[in-house]
């Protein structure tokens, strides 16, 4: 910050004061601009309203319209405000990799389970996009309740095949899943979600 120096011959004029104030304001603006630019470069950025995570097991996913932030592959939330009942979301596995968004990086698809406090265990498939800012979680696609997941395979392009065993229509959940099914999916980057490919 410039310092006013009193000249006994000229005195402190209004012009000198104005110049000093202007220089001081400009110096503050420059310092603020440098700080703001540095912060923007180092701060985590958002992609499609999702914040990138260092690990895909710590990313945020959208399940039934709700954000679920995993920590080490698990998340617990209240089923209702003030309720002791918890909704528990867990990383299940059955991973496969592919470049779902076409950016040259390998992304990951895997299964999540969600227990809502009842007898059901709901299975979902999600993708974690490996962006330059970290892993970005997708919306979850529901597969089934109390199914028996098998291997998940890489399909063609940005597609995958989710294999699992299910029950026949009308069968009780007490019956062990025994009917093999394969769900052929393709990732829609715009929707941030897998969609089923219509059978030929």
N, C-alpha and C. Protein backbone atom coordinates (compact mmCIF):
# COMPACT_ATOMS: atom_id res chain seq x y z
N UNK A 1 0.85 -1.18 0.00
CA UNK A 1 0.00 0.00 0.00
C UNK A 1 0.89 1.24 0.00
N UNK A 2 0.72 2.15 -0.94
CA UNK A 2 1.53 3.37 -0.99
C UNK A 2 1.37 4.19 0.27
N UNK A 3 2.43 4.86 0.68
CA UNK A 3 2.42 5.68 1.90
C UNK A 3 2.52 7.15 1.50
N UNK A 4 1.68 7.95 2.13
CA UNK A 4 1.72 9.38 1.87
C UNK A 4 2.98 9.99 2.49
N UNK A 5 3.72 10.75 1.70
CA UNK A 5 4.91 11.46 2.21
C UNK A 5 4.63 12.95 2.16
N UNK A 6 4.74 13.58 3.30
CA UNK A 6 4.42 15.02 3.37
C UNK A 6 5.58 15.83 2.83
N UNK A 7 5.29 16.63 1.83
CA UNK A 7 6.28 17.53 1.27
C UNK A 7 5.99 18.92 1.81
N UNK A 8 6.93 19.45 2.57
CA UNK A 8 6.70 20.74 3.24
C UNK A 8 6.52 21.87 2.25
N UNK A 9 7.05 21.68 1.04
CA UNK A 9 6.93 22.76 0.05
C UNK A 9 5.57 22.70 -0.64
N UNK A 10 5.12 21.45 -1.02
CA UNK A 10 3.88 21.32 -1.79
C UNK A 10 2.67 21.02 -0.91
N UNK A 11 2.92 20.38 0.23
CA UNK A 11 1.81 19.98 1.08
C UNK A 11 1.09 18.77 0.52
N UNK A 12 0.13 18.26 1.25
CA UNK A 12 -0.68 17.10 0.80
C UNK A 12 -1.88 17.66 0.05
N UNK A 13 -1.91 17.42 -1.24
CA UNK A 13 -2.99 17.95 -2.05
C UNK A 13 -4.08 16.90 -2.20
N UNK A 14 -5.26 17.34 -2.60
CA UNK A 14 -6.38 16.41 -2.85
C UNK A 14 -6.06 15.44 -3.98
N UNK A 15 -5.30 15.92 -4.98
CA UNK A 15 -4.92 15.04 -6.09
C UNK A 15 -4.05 13.89 -5.60
N UNK A 16 -3.11 14.20 -4.70
CA UNK A 16 -2.25 13.15 -4.15
C UNK A 16 -3.06 12.12 -3.36
N UNK A 17 -4.01 12.62 -2.58
CA UNK A 17 -4.85 11.71 -1.79
C UNK A 17 -5.68 10.81 -2.70
N UNK A 18 -6.28 11.38 -3.74
CA UNK A 18 -7.09 10.60 -4.68
C UNK A 18 -6.26 9.54 -5.37
N UNK A 19 -5.05 9.92 -5.80
CA UNK A 19 -4.18 8.96 -6.49
C UNK A 19 -3.81 7.80 -5.56
N UNK A 20 -3.52 8.14 -4.29
CA UNK A 20 -3.15 7.12 -3.32
C UNK A 20 -4.30 6.15 -3.08
N UNK A 21 -5.50 6.68 -2.95
CA UNK A 21 -6.69 5.84 -2.73
C UNK A 21 -6.92 4.92 -3.92
N UNK A 22 -6.83 5.47 -5.14
CA UNK A 22 -7.06 4.66 -6.35
C UNK A 22 -6.04 3.54 -6.45
N UNK A 23 -4.75 3.86 -6.19
CA UNK A 23 -3.69 2.84 -6.25
C UNK A 23 -3.94 1.76 -5.21
N UNK A 24 -4.36 2.18 -4.01
CA UNK A 24 -4.64 1.22 -2.95
C UNK A 24 -5.78 0.28 -3.31
N UNK A 25 -6.87 0.83 -3.86
CA UNK A 25 -8.02 0.01 -4.27
C UNK A 25 -7.62 -0.98 -5.36
N UNK A 26 -6.84 -0.51 -6.35
CA UNK A 26 -6.39 -1.39 -7.43
C UNK A 26 -5.52 -2.52 -6.88
N UNK A 27 -4.66 -2.22 -5.92
CA UNK A 27 -3.80 -3.25 -5.33
C UNK A 27 -4.63 -4.32 -4.63
N UNK A 28 -5.66 -3.88 -3.89
CA UNK A 28 -6.54 -4.84 -3.20
C UNK A 28 -7.28 -5.71 -4.21
N UNK A 29 -7.76 -5.11 -5.29
CA UNK A 29 -8.48 -5.87 -6.32
C UNK A 29 -7.57 -6.91 -6.98
N UNK A 30 -6.32 -6.53 -7.24
CA UNK A 30 -5.37 -7.48 -7.85
C UNK A 30 -5.12 -8.65 -6.91
N UNK A 31 -4.90 -8.36 -5.62
CA UNK A 31 -4.65 -9.43 -4.65
C UNK A 31 -5.86 -10.35 -4.55
N UNK A 32 -7.06 -9.78 -4.49
CA UNK A 32 -8.28 -10.58 -4.42
C UNK A 32 -8.45 -11.43 -5.67
N UNK A 33 -8.17 -10.86 -6.84
CA UNK A 33 -8.30 -11.61 -8.09
C UNK A 33 -7.36 -12.80 -8.15
N UNK A 34 -6.12 -12.62 -7.71
CA UNK A 34 -5.15 -13.72 -7.70
C UNK A 34 -5.60 -14.83 -6.75
N UNK A 35 -6.11 -14.44 -5.57
CA UNK A 35 -6.58 -15.43 -4.59
C UNK A 35 -7.78 -16.20 -5.13
N UNK A 36 -8.74 -15.48 -5.71
CA UNK A 36 -9.95 -16.12 -6.24
C UNK A 36 -9.62 -17.10 -7.36
N UNK A 37 -8.70 -16.70 -8.25
CA UNK A 37 -8.30 -17.57 -9.36
C UNK A 37 -7.64 -18.85 -8.83
N UNK A 38 -6.76 -18.70 -7.83
CA UNK A 38 -6.07 -19.85 -7.26
C UNK A 38 -7.06 -20.79 -6.59
N UNK A 39 -8.07 -20.22 -5.90
CA UNK A 39 -9.08 -21.04 -5.24
C UNK A 39 -9.90 -21.82 -6.25
N UNK A 40 -10.31 -21.17 -7.33
CA UNK A 40 -11.11 -21.83 -8.37
C UNK A 40 -10.35 -22.97 -9.02
N UNK A 41 -9.04 -22.81 -9.17
CA UNK A 41 -8.24 -23.86 -9.79
C UNK A 41 -8.10 -25.08 -8.89
N UNK A 42 -8.05 -24.86 -7.58
CA UNK A 42 -7.81 -25.97 -6.66
C UNK A 42 -9.10 -26.57 -6.09
N UNK A 43 -10.21 -25.84 -6.15
CA UNK A 43 -11.44 -26.33 -5.56
C UNK A 43 -12.04 -27.45 -6.40
N UNK A 44 -12.75 -28.44 -5.77
CA UNK A 44 -13.41 -29.49 -6.53
C UNK A 44 -14.52 -28.91 -7.39
N UNK A 45 -14.64 -29.40 -8.59
CA UNK A 45 -15.65 -28.90 -9.50
C UNK A 45 -16.82 -29.85 -9.58
N UNK A 46 -17.94 -29.34 -10.08
CA UNK A 46 -19.13 -30.17 -10.20
C UNK A 46 -19.35 -30.53 -11.66
N UNK A 47 -19.84 -31.76 -11.86
CA UNK A 47 -20.20 -32.24 -13.19
C UNK A 47 -21.61 -32.79 -13.12
N UNK A 48 -22.54 -32.21 -13.89
CA UNK A 48 -23.93 -32.63 -13.86
C UNK A 48 -24.49 -32.62 -12.44
N UNK A 49 -24.12 -31.59 -11.67
CA UNK A 49 -24.59 -31.39 -10.30
C UNK A 49 -24.06 -32.42 -9.31
N UNK A 50 -23.06 -33.18 -9.68
CA UNK A 50 -22.45 -34.14 -8.77
C UNK A 50 -21.01 -33.71 -8.50
N UNK A 51 -20.58 -33.82 -7.27
CA UNK A 51 -19.21 -33.49 -6.92
C UNK A 51 -18.35 -34.73 -7.06
N UNK A 52 -17.22 -34.60 -7.75
CA UNK A 52 -16.33 -35.73 -7.95
C UNK A 52 -15.74 -36.22 -6.64
N UNK A 53 -15.53 -37.54 -6.53
CA UNK A 53 -14.94 -38.15 -5.34
C UNK A 53 -13.65 -38.84 -5.72
N UNK A 54 -12.75 -38.98 -4.76
CA UNK A 54 -11.47 -39.65 -5.02
C UNK A 54 -11.69 -41.13 -5.31
N UNK A 55 -12.66 -41.74 -4.61
CA UNK A 55 -12.94 -43.17 -4.76
C UNK A 55 -14.41 -43.35 -5.11
N UNK A 56 -14.71 -44.28 -6.01
CA UNK A 56 -16.11 -44.47 -6.41
C UNK A 56 -16.98 -45.00 -5.28
N UNK A 57 -16.35 -45.57 -4.24
CA UNK A 57 -17.12 -46.03 -3.08
C UNK A 57 -17.43 -44.88 -2.12
N UNK A 58 -16.96 -43.69 -2.47
CA UNK A 58 -17.26 -42.49 -1.69
C UNK A 58 -18.04 -41.46 -2.51
N UNK A 59 -18.52 -41.87 -3.67
CA UNK A 59 -19.24 -40.94 -4.54
C UNK A 59 -20.71 -40.84 -4.13
N UNK A 60 -21.40 -39.88 -4.72
CA UNK A 60 -22.82 -39.67 -4.46
C UNK A 60 -23.64 -40.19 -5.63
N UNK A 61 -24.67 -40.96 -5.32
CA UNK A 61 -25.54 -41.56 -6.34
C UNK A 61 -26.98 -41.11 -6.08
N UNK A 62 -27.80 -41.21 -7.11
CA UNK A 62 -29.22 -40.84 -6.99
C UNK A 62 -30.05 -42.12 -7.03
N UNK A 63 -30.73 -42.42 -5.91
CA UNK A 63 -31.56 -43.61 -5.82
C UNK A 63 -33.00 -43.19 -5.55
N UNK A 64 -33.88 -43.52 -6.45
CA UNK A 64 -35.30 -43.15 -6.34
C UNK A 64 -35.46 -41.65 -6.07
N UNK A 65 -34.66 -40.87 -6.78
CA UNK A 65 -34.75 -39.41 -6.69
C UNK A 65 -34.04 -38.79 -5.50
N UNK A 66 -33.40 -39.60 -4.67
CA UNK A 66 -32.72 -39.09 -3.48
C UNK A 66 -31.21 -39.24 -3.60
N UNK A 67 -30.47 -38.20 -3.19
CA UNK A 67 -29.01 -38.29 -3.19
C UNK A 67 -28.55 -39.19 -2.05
N UNK A 68 -27.65 -40.12 -2.39
CA UNK A 68 -27.08 -41.02 -1.39
C UNK A 68 -25.57 -40.91 -1.49
N UNK A 69 -24.94 -40.38 -0.45
CA UNK A 69 -23.49 -40.20 -0.43
C UNK A 69 -22.85 -41.37 0.30
N UNK A 70 -22.14 -42.22 -0.44
CA UNK A 70 -21.48 -43.36 0.18
C UNK A 70 -20.20 -42.92 0.88
N UNK A 71 -19.87 -43.60 1.96
CA UNK A 71 -18.60 -43.46 2.65
C UNK A 71 -18.07 -44.87 2.89
N UNK A 72 -16.97 -45.18 2.21
CA UNK A 72 -16.42 -46.55 2.27
C UNK A 72 -17.47 -47.58 1.86
N UNK A 73 -18.31 -47.21 0.89
CA UNK A 73 -19.26 -48.16 0.31
C UNK A 73 -20.55 -48.33 1.08
N UNK A 74 -20.84 -47.45 2.02
CA UNK A 74 -22.08 -47.59 2.80
C UNK A 74 -22.65 -46.21 3.14
N UNK A 75 -23.97 -46.15 3.27
CA UNK A 75 -24.63 -44.91 3.68
C UNK A 75 -25.85 -45.27 4.51
N UNK A 76 -26.08 -44.52 5.58
CA UNK A 76 -27.25 -44.70 6.43
C UNK A 76 -27.99 -43.38 6.55
N UNK A 77 -29.28 -43.40 6.28
CA UNK A 77 -30.10 -42.20 6.41
C UNK A 77 -31.39 -42.57 7.14
N UNK A 78 -32.01 -41.58 7.77
CA UNK A 78 -33.28 -41.81 8.46
C UNK A 78 -34.37 -42.08 7.43
N UNK A 79 -35.22 -43.08 7.70
CA UNK A 79 -36.32 -43.36 6.79
C UNK A 79 -37.36 -42.25 6.82
N UNK A 80 -37.42 -41.52 7.96
CA UNK A 80 -38.28 -40.34 8.10
C UNK A 80 -37.64 -39.46 9.17
N UNK A 81 -37.86 -38.14 9.12
CA UNK A 81 -37.27 -37.25 10.11
C UNK A 81 -37.59 -37.68 11.54
N UNK A 82 -36.56 -37.89 12.35
CA UNK A 82 -36.75 -38.29 13.73
C UNK A 82 -36.98 -39.76 13.94
N UNK A 83 -37.03 -40.54 12.85
CA UNK A 83 -37.29 -41.97 12.98
C UNK A 83 -36.03 -42.73 13.35
N UNK A 84 -36.20 -43.79 14.14
CA UNK A 84 -35.06 -44.64 14.49
C UNK A 84 -34.77 -45.65 13.39
N UNK A 85 -35.72 -45.82 12.47
CA UNK A 85 -35.54 -46.74 11.35
C UNK A 85 -34.60 -46.11 10.32
N UNK A 86 -33.69 -46.90 9.81
CA UNK A 86 -32.67 -46.41 8.87
C UNK A 86 -32.83 -47.04 7.49
N UNK A 87 -32.50 -46.24 6.48
CA UNK A 87 -32.34 -46.77 5.12
C UNK A 87 -30.86 -46.98 4.93
N UNK A 88 -30.47 -48.22 4.67
CA UNK A 88 -29.06 -48.57 4.55
C UNK A 88 -28.74 -48.93 3.10
N UNK A 89 -27.82 -48.20 2.52
CA UNK A 89 -27.37 -48.44 1.15
C UNK A 89 -25.95 -48.98 1.21
N UNK A 90 -25.70 -50.08 0.47
CA UNK A 90 -24.39 -50.73 0.51
C UNK A 90 -23.86 -51.03 -0.89
N UNK A 91 -22.57 -50.92 -1.01
CA UNK A 91 -21.87 -51.42 -2.20
C UNK A 91 -21.98 -52.93 -2.19
N UNK A 92 -22.48 -53.51 -3.29
CA UNK A 92 -22.59 -54.97 -3.39
C UNK A 92 -21.43 -55.56 -4.19
N UNK A 93 -21.11 -54.93 -5.31
CA UNK A 93 -20.01 -55.44 -6.14
C UNK A 93 -20.45 -55.77 -7.55
N UNK A 94 -19.94 -56.91 -8.06
CA UNK A 94 -20.21 -57.34 -9.44
C UNK A 94 -19.81 -56.24 -10.42
N UNK A 95 -18.58 -55.78 -10.27
CA UNK A 95 -18.08 -54.67 -11.09
C UNK A 95 -17.76 -55.09 -12.52
N UNK A 96 -17.89 -54.13 -13.40
CA UNK A 96 -17.34 -54.25 -14.75
C UNK A 96 -16.94 -52.85 -15.19
N UNK A 97 -16.01 -52.75 -16.11
CA UNK A 97 -15.51 -51.44 -16.53
C UNK A 97 -15.74 -51.22 -18.02
N UNK A 98 -15.89 -49.96 -18.37
CA UNK A 98 -16.04 -49.53 -19.77
C UNK A 98 -15.95 -48.01 -19.77
N UNK A 99 -15.73 -47.45 -20.95
CA UNK A 99 -15.71 -45.99 -21.09
C UNK A 99 -17.13 -45.54 -21.42
N UNK A 100 -17.95 -45.31 -20.41
CA UNK A 100 -19.37 -45.03 -20.61
C UNK A 100 -19.64 -43.65 -21.21
N UNK A 101 -18.76 -42.68 -20.93
CA UNK A 101 -19.02 -41.32 -21.42
C UNK A 101 -18.10 -40.91 -22.57
N UNK A 102 -17.25 -41.84 -23.05
CA UNK A 102 -16.44 -41.57 -24.23
C UNK A 102 -15.33 -40.56 -24.05
N UNK A 103 -14.82 -40.41 -22.80
CA UNK A 103 -13.75 -39.43 -22.57
C UNK A 103 -12.36 -40.06 -22.53
N UNK A 104 -12.27 -41.36 -22.86
CA UNK A 104 -10.98 -42.03 -22.87
C UNK A 104 -10.58 -42.63 -21.54
N UNK A 105 -11.39 -42.44 -20.50
CA UNK A 105 -11.09 -43.01 -19.18
C UNK A 105 -12.03 -44.19 -18.90
N UNK A 106 -11.52 -45.20 -18.20
CA UNK A 106 -12.36 -46.34 -17.84
C UNK A 106 -13.24 -46.00 -16.66
N UNK A 107 -14.53 -46.18 -16.84
CA UNK A 107 -15.50 -45.97 -15.77
C UNK A 107 -15.89 -47.33 -15.17
N UNK A 108 -16.66 -47.30 -14.11
CA UNK A 108 -17.01 -48.52 -13.39
C UNK A 108 -18.52 -48.62 -13.23
N UNK A 109 -19.05 -49.81 -13.47
CA UNK A 109 -20.46 -50.11 -13.18
C UNK A 109 -20.48 -51.20 -12.11
N UNK A 110 -21.42 -51.09 -11.20
CA UNK A 110 -21.52 -52.10 -10.14
C UNK A 110 -22.92 -52.06 -9.53
N UNK A 111 -23.18 -52.98 -8.61
CA UNK A 111 -24.49 -53.09 -7.97
C UNK A 111 -24.45 -52.49 -6.56
N UNK A 112 -25.57 -51.87 -6.20
CA UNK A 112 -25.81 -51.39 -4.85
C UNK A 112 -27.04 -52.11 -4.31
N UNK A 113 -27.09 -52.30 -2.99
CA UNK A 113 -28.31 -52.80 -2.35
C UNK A 113 -28.83 -51.71 -1.43
N UNK A 114 -30.15 -51.74 -1.22
CA UNK A 114 -30.75 -50.79 -0.29
C UNK A 114 -31.80 -51.51 0.55
N UNK A 115 -31.63 -51.42 1.87
CA UNK A 115 -32.59 -51.97 2.82
C UNK A 115 -33.32 -50.79 3.46
N UNK A 116 -34.63 -50.80 3.37
CA UNK A 116 -35.42 -49.67 3.85
C UNK A 116 -36.08 -49.92 5.20
N UNK A 117 -35.69 -50.99 5.88
CA UNK A 117 -36.25 -51.28 7.19
C UNK A 117 -37.28 -52.38 7.18
N UNK A 118 -37.76 -52.76 6.00
CA UNK A 118 -38.71 -53.87 5.88
C UNK A 118 -37.98 -55.16 5.58
N UNK A 119 -38.67 -56.09 4.94
CA UNK A 119 -38.07 -57.39 4.62
C UNK A 119 -37.35 -57.40 3.27
N UNK A 120 -37.53 -56.35 2.48
CA UNK A 120 -36.95 -56.33 1.14
C UNK A 120 -35.50 -55.90 1.11
N UNK A 121 -34.79 -56.41 0.11
CA UNK A 121 -33.44 -55.95 -0.22
C UNK A 121 -33.45 -55.60 -1.69
N UNK A 122 -33.36 -54.32 -1.99
CA UNK A 122 -33.53 -53.84 -3.35
C UNK A 122 -32.16 -53.66 -4.02
N UNK A 123 -32.06 -54.18 -5.23
CA UNK A 123 -30.80 -54.14 -5.97
C UNK A 123 -30.89 -53.11 -7.09
N UNK A 124 -29.80 -52.35 -7.23
CA UNK A 124 -29.69 -51.31 -8.25
C UNK A 124 -28.35 -51.43 -8.96
N UNK A 125 -28.31 -50.97 -10.20
CA UNK A 125 -27.05 -50.86 -10.92
C UNK A 125 -26.75 -49.39 -11.13
N UNK A 126 -25.49 -49.02 -10.90
CA UNK A 126 -25.06 -47.62 -11.05
C UNK A 126 -23.74 -47.59 -11.81
N UNK A 127 -23.39 -46.40 -12.25
CA UNK A 127 -22.09 -46.18 -12.88
C UNK A 127 -21.36 -45.10 -12.10
N UNK A 128 -20.04 -45.22 -12.03
CA UNK A 128 -19.19 -44.17 -11.47
C UNK A 128 -18.28 -43.71 -12.61
N UNK A 129 -18.51 -42.48 -13.09
CA UNK A 129 -17.73 -41.95 -14.19
C UNK A 129 -16.40 -41.42 -13.67
N UNK A 130 -15.33 -41.86 -14.29
CA UNK A 130 -13.98 -41.47 -13.88
C UNK A 130 -13.59 -40.19 -14.62
N UNK A 131 -13.95 -39.04 -14.05
CA UNK A 131 -13.68 -37.76 -14.69
C UNK A 131 -12.35 -37.18 -14.20
N UNK A 132 -11.92 -36.10 -14.82
CA UNK A 132 -10.67 -35.46 -14.40
C UNK A 132 -10.80 -34.83 -13.02
N UNK A 133 -12.04 -34.65 -12.55
CA UNK A 133 -12.27 -34.08 -11.23
C UNK A 133 -12.63 -35.14 -10.19
N UNK A 134 -12.50 -36.41 -10.55
CA UNK A 134 -12.86 -37.48 -9.61
C UNK A 134 -14.03 -38.29 -10.12
N UNK A 135 -14.49 -39.22 -9.29
CA UNK A 135 -15.60 -40.09 -9.68
C UNK A 135 -16.94 -39.40 -9.47
N UNK A 136 -17.79 -39.49 -10.48
CA UNK A 136 -19.12 -38.89 -10.45
C UNK A 136 -20.15 -40.01 -10.53
N UNK A 137 -21.01 -40.09 -9.52
CA UNK A 137 -22.00 -41.16 -9.47
C UNK A 137 -23.20 -40.87 -10.34
N UNK A 138 -23.83 -41.93 -10.84
CA UNK A 138 -24.99 -41.81 -11.72
C UNK A 138 -26.29 -41.98 -10.95
N UNK A 139 -27.38 -41.90 -11.66
CA UNK A 139 -28.67 -42.32 -11.12
C UNK A 139 -28.69 -43.85 -11.10
N UNK A 140 -29.41 -44.41 -10.16
CA UNK A 140 -29.48 -45.86 -10.01
C UNK A 140 -30.66 -46.43 -10.80
N UNK A 141 -30.44 -47.57 -11.41
CA UNK A 141 -31.52 -48.28 -12.12
C UNK A 141 -31.91 -49.50 -11.29
N UNK A 142 -33.18 -49.60 -10.93
CA UNK A 142 -33.69 -50.71 -10.12
C UNK A 142 -33.67 -52.00 -10.93
N UNK A 143 -33.16 -53.07 -10.29
CA UNK A 143 -33.13 -54.39 -10.94
C UNK A 143 -34.19 -55.31 -10.36
N UNK A 144 -34.22 -55.43 -9.03
CA UNK A 144 -35.20 -56.31 -8.42
C UNK A 144 -35.05 -56.38 -6.91
N UNK A 145 -36.04 -57.04 -6.28
CA UNK A 145 -36.07 -57.20 -4.84
C UNK A 145 -35.71 -58.64 -4.48
N UNK A 146 -34.72 -58.79 -3.63
CA UNK A 146 -34.28 -60.10 -3.13
C UNK A 146 -33.96 -61.07 -4.28
N UNK A 147 -33.27 -60.54 -5.28
CA UNK A 147 -32.81 -61.37 -6.39
C UNK A 147 -31.48 -62.02 -6.00
N UNK A 148 -30.95 -62.82 -6.91
CA UNK A 148 -29.64 -63.45 -6.68
C UNK A 148 -28.71 -63.03 -7.82
N UNK A 149 -27.92 -61.97 -7.61
CA UNK A 149 -27.05 -61.47 -8.68
C UNK A 149 -25.99 -62.49 -9.10
N UNK A 150 -25.74 -62.53 -10.39
CA UNK A 150 -24.66 -63.35 -10.94
C UNK A 150 -23.60 -62.37 -11.47
N UNK A 151 -22.85 -62.76 -12.45
CA UNK A 151 -21.79 -61.89 -12.97
C UNK A 151 -22.38 -60.75 -13.80
N UNK A 152 -21.75 -59.58 -13.73
CA UNK A 152 -22.08 -58.46 -14.60
C UNK A 152 -20.99 -58.36 -15.66
N UNK A 153 -21.40 -58.33 -16.92
CA UNK A 153 -20.44 -58.37 -18.03
C UNK A 153 -20.40 -57.05 -18.78
N UNK A 154 -19.26 -56.81 -19.40
CA UNK A 154 -19.13 -55.67 -20.29
C UNK A 154 -19.82 -55.99 -21.61
N UNK A 155 -20.65 -55.09 -22.09
CA UNK A 155 -21.31 -55.27 -23.37
C UNK A 155 -20.56 -54.54 -24.47
N UNK A 156 -21.23 -54.26 -25.55
CA UNK A 156 -20.59 -53.54 -26.65
C UNK A 156 -20.69 -52.04 -26.39
N UNK A 157 -19.64 -51.31 -26.77
CA UNK A 157 -19.64 -49.86 -26.58
C UNK A 157 -19.75 -49.49 -25.12
N UNK A 158 -20.75 -48.67 -24.81
CA UNK A 158 -20.96 -48.25 -23.42
C UNK A 158 -22.09 -49.04 -22.76
N UNK A 159 -22.19 -50.30 -23.16
CA UNK A 159 -23.23 -51.17 -22.62
C UNK A 159 -22.69 -52.20 -21.65
N UNK A 160 -23.58 -52.75 -20.83
CA UNK A 160 -23.24 -53.83 -19.91
C UNK A 160 -24.38 -54.85 -19.91
N UNK A 161 -24.10 -56.03 -19.36
CA UNK A 161 -25.11 -57.07 -19.22
C UNK A 161 -25.13 -57.49 -17.75
N UNK A 162 -26.27 -57.29 -17.10
CA UNK A 162 -26.43 -57.67 -15.70
C UNK A 162 -27.15 -59.01 -15.65
N UNK A 163 -26.48 -60.02 -15.16
CA UNK A 163 -27.05 -61.36 -15.05
C UNK A 163 -27.48 -61.63 -13.60
N UNK A 164 -28.65 -62.20 -13.44
CA UNK A 164 -29.14 -62.50 -12.10
C UNK A 164 -30.23 -63.58 -12.16
N UNK A 165 -30.53 -64.15 -11.01
CA UNK A 165 -31.62 -65.13 -10.90
C UNK A 165 -32.79 -64.48 -10.20
N UNK A 166 -34.00 -64.78 -10.67
CA UNK A 166 -35.21 -64.20 -10.10
C UNK A 166 -36.26 -65.30 -9.91
N UNK A 167 -37.41 -64.93 -9.42
CA UNK A 167 -38.51 -65.87 -9.23
C UNK A 167 -39.51 -65.72 -10.38
N UNK A 168 -40.32 -66.73 -10.54
CA UNK A 168 -41.39 -66.66 -11.54
C UNK A 168 -42.46 -65.69 -11.04
N UNK A 169 -43.19 -65.05 -11.94
CA UNK A 169 -44.25 -64.12 -11.53
C UNK A 169 -45.23 -64.80 -10.57
N UNK A 170 -45.50 -64.16 -9.46
CA UNK A 170 -46.45 -64.71 -8.48
C UNK A 170 -45.82 -65.60 -7.43
N UNK A 171 -44.56 -65.97 -7.61
CA UNK A 171 -43.90 -66.82 -6.62
C UNK A 171 -43.62 -66.02 -5.34
N UNK A 172 -43.66 -66.71 -4.23
CA UNK A 172 -43.39 -66.08 -2.94
C UNK A 172 -41.91 -65.73 -2.82
N UNK A 173 -41.64 -64.70 -2.02
CA UNK A 173 -40.25 -64.34 -1.77
C UNK A 173 -39.54 -65.38 -0.93
N UNK A 174 -40.30 -66.30 -0.36
CA UNK A 174 -39.69 -67.39 0.40
C UNK A 174 -39.04 -68.41 -0.53
N UNK A 175 -39.44 -68.37 -1.81
CA UNK A 175 -38.86 -69.29 -2.81
C UNK A 175 -37.52 -68.75 -3.27
N UNK A 176 -36.53 -69.63 -3.32
CA UNK A 176 -35.20 -69.22 -3.77
C UNK A 176 -35.23 -68.85 -5.25
N UNK A 177 -34.60 -67.72 -5.64
CA UNK A 177 -34.56 -67.34 -7.06
C UNK A 177 -33.90 -68.44 -7.90
N UNK A 178 -34.55 -68.81 -9.00
CA UNK A 178 -34.01 -69.91 -9.81
C UNK A 178 -34.11 -69.67 -11.31
N UNK A 179 -34.72 -68.58 -11.70
CA UNK A 179 -34.90 -68.29 -13.12
C UNK A 179 -33.85 -67.28 -13.56
N UNK A 180 -32.98 -67.71 -14.46
CA UNK A 180 -31.90 -66.84 -14.93
C UNK A 180 -32.41 -65.74 -15.85
N UNK A 181 -31.93 -64.55 -15.62
CA UNK A 181 -32.29 -63.41 -16.45
C UNK A 181 -31.05 -62.61 -16.79
N UNK A 182 -31.09 -61.94 -17.93
CA UNK A 182 -30.00 -61.06 -18.36
C UNK A 182 -30.58 -59.73 -18.78
N UNK A 183 -30.10 -58.68 -18.15
CA UNK A 183 -30.56 -57.34 -18.44
C UNK A 183 -29.50 -56.62 -19.26
N UNK A 184 -29.83 -56.32 -20.52
CA UNK A 184 -28.89 -55.63 -21.40
C UNK A 184 -29.14 -54.13 -21.31
N UNK A 185 -28.09 -53.42 -20.90
CA UNK A 185 -28.23 -51.99 -20.62
C UNK A 185 -27.22 -51.17 -21.40
N UNK A 186 -27.56 -49.92 -21.64
CA UNK A 186 -26.64 -48.97 -22.26
C UNK A 186 -26.68 -47.69 -21.43
N UNK A 187 -25.53 -47.04 -21.30
CA UNK A 187 -25.47 -45.85 -20.46
C UNK A 187 -25.80 -44.60 -21.25
N UNK A 188 -26.75 -43.82 -20.74
CA UNK A 188 -27.15 -42.55 -21.35
C UNK A 188 -26.46 -41.43 -20.57
N UNK A 189 -25.47 -40.78 -21.19
CA UNK A 189 -24.70 -39.75 -20.51
C UNK A 189 -25.58 -38.56 -20.16
N UNK A 190 -26.49 -38.19 -21.03
CA UNK A 190 -27.36 -37.05 -20.77
C UNK A 190 -28.26 -37.27 -19.56
N UNK A 191 -28.79 -38.49 -19.44
CA UNK A 191 -29.64 -38.83 -18.30
C UNK A 191 -28.86 -39.28 -17.09
N UNK A 192 -27.56 -39.59 -17.28
CA UNK A 192 -26.72 -40.11 -16.22
C UNK A 192 -27.32 -41.37 -15.60
N UNK A 193 -27.72 -42.30 -16.48
CA UNK A 193 -28.38 -43.51 -16.00
C UNK A 193 -28.33 -44.59 -17.08
N UNK A 194 -28.33 -45.84 -16.63
CA UNK A 194 -28.44 -46.95 -17.56
C UNK A 194 -29.90 -47.08 -18.00
N UNK A 195 -30.07 -47.50 -19.25
CA UNK A 195 -31.40 -47.81 -19.78
C UNK A 195 -31.37 -49.15 -20.45
N UNK A 196 -32.50 -49.84 -20.40
CA UNK A 196 -32.56 -51.18 -20.98
C UNK A 196 -32.66 -51.11 -22.50
N UNK A 197 -31.92 -52.01 -23.15
CA UNK A 197 -31.99 -52.12 -24.61
C UNK A 197 -33.15 -53.03 -24.95
N UNK A 198 -34.03 -52.54 -25.80
CA UNK A 198 -35.21 -53.33 -26.19
C UNK A 198 -34.75 -54.59 -26.91
N UNK A 199 -35.30 -55.77 -26.54
CA UNK A 199 -34.92 -57.00 -27.23
C UNK A 199 -35.34 -56.96 -28.69
N UNK A 200 -34.53 -57.58 -29.53
CA UNK A 200 -34.82 -57.58 -30.97
C UNK A 200 -36.02 -58.49 -31.25
